[in-house]
């Protein structure tokens, strides 16, 4: 496959989920990316396979990997490099993660509007969370980008790892503002984490980012932003 005039195999690496809807969404995202740049493989770092190392072992030439993550946490900075090393593949380039990015903030604002959010309502950003402080900083950056877009501060709450928990942030925001509170789901696909948001006490929960054309274009831009490594013998 040629990306920006260079032969390379595109690989989209996601977290993985037991949700059939979530797996289908990642497959749909890869299909839409493939429509722009050619056949794109999919790998998962957790929950299900194939893993990045398994996919890379089946590729003879150079590969370009895009981490389909919204922040560069443990999976991006530790798991993915370990998979690449374990594969033995010497011609792998890795782009930066999808988020944070202004285009994702635009999709978040669109998802909020689809849910019934209007100017004057409060918004909190919900993320999966991480034990990685760098990743948490990137999530706060994503919230700031959304806040700039909608014209008011957007606090952050977490579903799984890290504090504060999303339900506490929703309750605090409602008590502080006296307004309706909507959750912007800073998640790529449906799954257990998104399902939990409906129990957080908000007046509305926006859909995940999904396969919005802006997300598809962002993946393609990430792939085109890196020059594939061509190792001797590949």
Foldseek 3Di string as FASTA:
>chain_A
DAFPNDDAAEEEEEADFPDPQFVVLVVVLQVLLCVVVHHYHYAHLDDDGDHPLVVLLVDQWFYEYEYQDAFCACCNPPSVVVSVVVSVDDWYHYFDYLDDDLLLLVLLVVLCVVFPDDQVAAEAEEDQEHPGPRRVVRVLVSQVSNCVVNVHHYHYAHQHDDDDHLLVVLVVVCVVRVHAYEYRYADATDHDSLVCVVVSPGPTYGHYSGNPVSSSVSSSVRRNVDDIGGDPPD
